[in-house]
Amino acid sequence: MNIRPATLADISALHAVIERAYRGDTARAGWTFESDLLSGPRTDAETLAAIVDSDADLLLVATDKSGAPLGCVQITDRGEGITYLGLLCIDPHLQAAGLGRRLIAEAEHQAILLFSASQMEMTVIDSRSELIAYYERRGYAATGEKRAFPIPLDPPLAMIVLAKSLAGAGDLG
């Protein structure tokens, strides 16, 4: 697996992977799907293109030997040493093979290099205990903060904030 910054040329194929990983029946082949909680598209090509073009964001894409996308992760500079991790996904048929762990590690590395981050934070739907446990095994911890889900739903969903301290740029060797 190769991990590199996504380009506009990646958007179409990467968008398909994201939708397969998060929504619909195809997502059920993996373990991180949201299909039981949410319907409709997870994102769109225009939003992904804006992330790729943004100086405050980095969208990393994991590809196979042929260059086909296997998954992705986004990091966003929030300022004051805080970087947000989001949009982590792996094609459902390839989940549980360590690819997500590698994407997270590269996202953390890039957050330090590009944004001088000292902390990575993320939000996870509070009812997703298996996903929260996954991030805890990677060093993330609940901060005690809850945020509203970005889309109004009935019943509403809540997001918990997880955070992890990152090594300083000087610690990377």
Protein backbone atom coordinates (compact mmCIF):
# COMPACT_ATOMS: atom_id res chain seq x y z
CA MET A 1 0.00 0.00 0.00
CA ASN A 2 1.22 3.47 -0.91
CA ILE A 3 -0.02 6.52 1.02
CA ARG A 4 0.19 9.92 -0.65
CA PRO A 5 -1.69 13.22 -0.86
CA ALA A 6 -4.84 12.91 -2.94
CA THR A 7 -5.12 14.87 -6.17
CA LEU A 8 -8.13 16.06 -8.10
CA ALA A 9 -7.59 13.09 -10.44
CA ASP A 10 -8.29 10.75 -7.49
CA ILE A 11 -11.67 12.26 -6.55
CA SER A 12 -14.04 10.11 -8.61
CA ALA A 13 -12.56 6.74 -7.65
CA LEU A 14 -11.95 7.81 -4.05
CA HIS A 15 -15.52 9.07 -3.68
CA ALA A 16 -16.78 5.62 -4.66
CA VAL A 17 -14.59 3.99 -1.96
CA ILE A 18 -15.85 6.44 0.68
CA GLU A 19 -19.49 5.75 -0.14
CA ARG A 20 -18.90 1.97 -0.14
CA ALA A 21 -17.20 2.20 3.24
CA TYR A 22 -19.77 4.36 5.02
CA ARG A 23 -23.18 3.86 3.44
CA GLY A 24 -25.46 1.31 1.86
CA ASP A 25 -25.45 -2.45 1.85
CA THR A 26 -21.90 -2.68 0.46
CA ALA A 27 -20.61 -1.03 3.66
CA ARG A 28 -21.88 -3.99 5.68
CA ALA A 29 -18.98 -6.06 4.32
CA GLY A 30 -16.75 -4.11 6.72
CA TRP A 31 -17.19 -3.27 10.39
CA THR A 32 -17.10 0.56 10.42
CA PHE A 33 -20.23 1.35 8.42
CA GLU A 34 -22.88 3.90 9.40
CA SER A 35 -25.70 2.40 7.32
CA ASP A 36 -27.77 1.47 10.38
CA LEU A 37 -27.64 5.06 11.64
CA LEU A 38 -27.57 7.23 8.52
CA SER A 39 -28.70 7.14 4.92
CA GLY A 40 -27.84 9.19 1.88
CA PRO A 41 -24.40 10.09 0.61
CA ARG A 42 -21.49 10.51 3.04
CA THR A 43 -19.91 13.27 0.94
CA ASP A 44 -19.73 14.49 -2.65
CA ALA A 45 -17.07 15.10 -5.27
CA GLU A 46 -17.24 18.89 -4.83
CA THR A 47 -16.53 18.65 -1.10
CA LEU A 48 -13.60 16.30 -1.72
CA ALA A 49 -12.19 18.66 -4.36
CA ALA A 50 -12.43 21.57 -1.91
CA ILE A 51 -10.50 19.52 0.68
CA VAL A 52 -7.78 18.71 -1.87
CA ASP A 53 -7.51 22.41 -2.81
CA SER A 54 -7.47 23.69 0.79
CA ASP A 55 -4.26 24.84 2.47
CA ALA A 56 -5.72 23.95 5.89
CA ASP A 57 -6.50 20.34 4.89
CA LEU A 58 -4.67 17.29 3.67
CA LEU A 59 -6.50 14.33 2.19
CA LEU A 60 -4.28 11.26 2.15
CA VAL A 61 -5.17 8.40 -0.15
CA ALA A 62 -4.00 4.81 0.24
CA THR A 63 -3.54 3.08 -3.10
CA ASP A 64 -2.70 -0.38 -4.33
CA LYS A 65 0.17 -1.15 -6.72
CA SER A 66 -1.91 -0.07 -9.71
CA GLY A 67 -2.78 3.27 -8.11
CA ALA A 68 -6.40 2.37 -7.33
CA PRO A 69 -7.63 3.92 -4.07
CA LEU A 70 -8.12 1.59 -1.08
CA GLY A 71 -9.03 4.24 1.48
CA CYS A 72 -8.29 7.69 2.81
CA VAL A 73 -7.98 9.98 5.81
CA GLN A 74 -8.32 13.75 6.11
CA ILE A 75 -6.51 16.05 8.49
CA THR A 76 -7.47 19.66 9.11
CA ASP A 77 -5.37 22.31 10.82
CA ARG A 78 -7.50 23.83 13.61
CA GLY A 79 -4.72 26.15 14.80
CA GLU A 80 -2.97 26.37 18.15
CA GLY A 81 -1.33 22.97 17.61
CA ILE A 82 -4.59 21.07 17.12
CA THR A 83 -5.28 19.02 14.00
CA TYR A 84 -8.57 17.23 13.33
CA LEU A 85 -8.63 13.69 11.91
CA GLY A 86 -11.65 12.68 9.87
CA LEU A 87 -12.96 10.81 6.85
CA LEU A 88 -10.94 7.72 7.71
CA CYS A 89 -12.14 4.84 5.58
CA ILE A 90 -10.94 1.63 4.02
CA ASP A 91 -12.74 -0.28 1.30
CA PRO A 92 -15.07 -2.63 3.25
CA HIS A 93 -13.57 -5.78 1.71
CA LEU A 94 -10.09 -4.76 2.94
CA GLN A 95 -10.91 -3.72 6.49
CA ALA A 96 -9.25 -5.38 9.50
CA ALA A 97 -5.93 -5.81 7.66
CA GLY A 98 -4.05 -2.94 9.34
CA LEU A 99 -4.58 -0.37 6.57
CA GLY A 100 -6.50 2.02 8.84
CA ARG A 101 -3.75 1.88 11.45
CA ARG A 102 -1.20 2.81 8.76
CA LEU A 103 -3.35 5.69 7.51
CA ILE A 104 -3.75 7.05 11.05
CA ALA A 105 0.00 6.85 11.67
CA GLU A 106 0.72 8.73 8.43
CA ALA A 107 -1.96 11.32 9.23
CA GLU A 108 -0.37 11.93 12.63
CA HIS A 109 3.08 12.22 11.04
CA GLN A 110 1.83 14.69 8.42
CA ALA A 111 -0.05 16.73 11.06
CA ILE A 112 3.25 17.27 12.87
CA LEU A 113 5.21 18.06 9.70
CA LEU A 114 2.66 20.27 7.92
CA PHE A 115 0.75 21.91 10.75
CA SER A 116 3.19 21.67 13.71
CA ALA A 117 0.46 19.78 15.54
CA SER A 118 0.91 18.70 19.13
CA GLN A 119 -2.56 17.18 19.42
CA MET A 120 -4.88 15.27 17.10
CA GLU A 121 -8.59 15.26 17.79
CA MET A 122 -11.57 13.56 16.21
CA THR A 123 -15.26 13.05 16.79
CA VAL A 124 -17.06 9.70 16.82
CA ILE A 125 -20.80 8.99 17.09
CA ASP A 126 -21.23 8.18 20.78
CA SER A 127 -23.11 4.93 20.14
CA ARG A 128 -20.21 3.49 18.07
CA SER A 129 -18.49 1.73 20.98
CA GLU A 130 -16.49 -0.64 18.73
CA LEU A 131 -15.10 2.30 16.78
CA ILE A 132 -14.30 4.25 19.95
CA ALA A 133 -12.43 1.18 21.27
CA TYR A 134 -10.48 0.98 17.99
CA TYR A 135 -9.26 4.57 18.40
CA GLU A 136 -8.50 4.01 22.08
CA ARG A 137 -6.19 1.15 21.07
CA ARG A 138 -4.35 3.71 18.94
CA GLY A 139 -3.79 6.06 21.88
CA TYR A 140 -6.85 8.30 21.62
CA ALA A 141 -8.88 9.08 24.74
CA ALA A 142 -12.28 10.63 25.34
CA THR A 143 -11.95 14.26 26.43
CA GLY A 144 -15.36 14.38 28.10
CA GLU A 145 -16.58 16.85 25.46
CA LYS A 146 -19.68 16.09 23.37
CA ARG A 147 -20.68 17.90 20.20
CA ALA A 148 -23.89 17.93 18.24
CA PHE A 149 -24.02 15.76 15.13
CA PRO A 150 -23.57 18.08 12.10
CA ILE A 151 -26.89 17.01 10.53
CA PRO A 152 -30.15 17.44 12.47
CA LEU A 153 -31.77 14.02 12.97
CA ASP A 154 -34.69 12.66 14.92
CA PRO A 155 -33.67 11.16 17.25
CA PRO A 156 -30.49 13.28 17.39
CA LEU A 157 -27.02 11.78 17.38
CA ALA A 158 -24.16 13.05 19.53
CA MET A 159 -20.44 13.03 18.86
CA ILE A 160 -17.80 12.45 21.50
CA VAL A 161 -14.41 14.07 21.15
CA LEU A 162 -11.32 11.86 21.28
CA ALA A 163 -7.82 13.31 21.40
CA LYS A 164 -4.20 12.19 21.38
CA SER A 165 -0.99 14.04 22.12
CA LEU A 166 1.48 13.88 19.25
CA ALA A 167 5.26 13.76 19.36
CA GLY A 168 6.99 17.01 18.55
CA ALA A 169 8.48 17.51 15.10
CA GLY A 170 11.93 17.26 16.67
CA ASP A 171 11.05 13.80 17.95
CA LEU A 172 10.59 12.36 14.46
CA GLY A 173 14.27 11.82 13.86
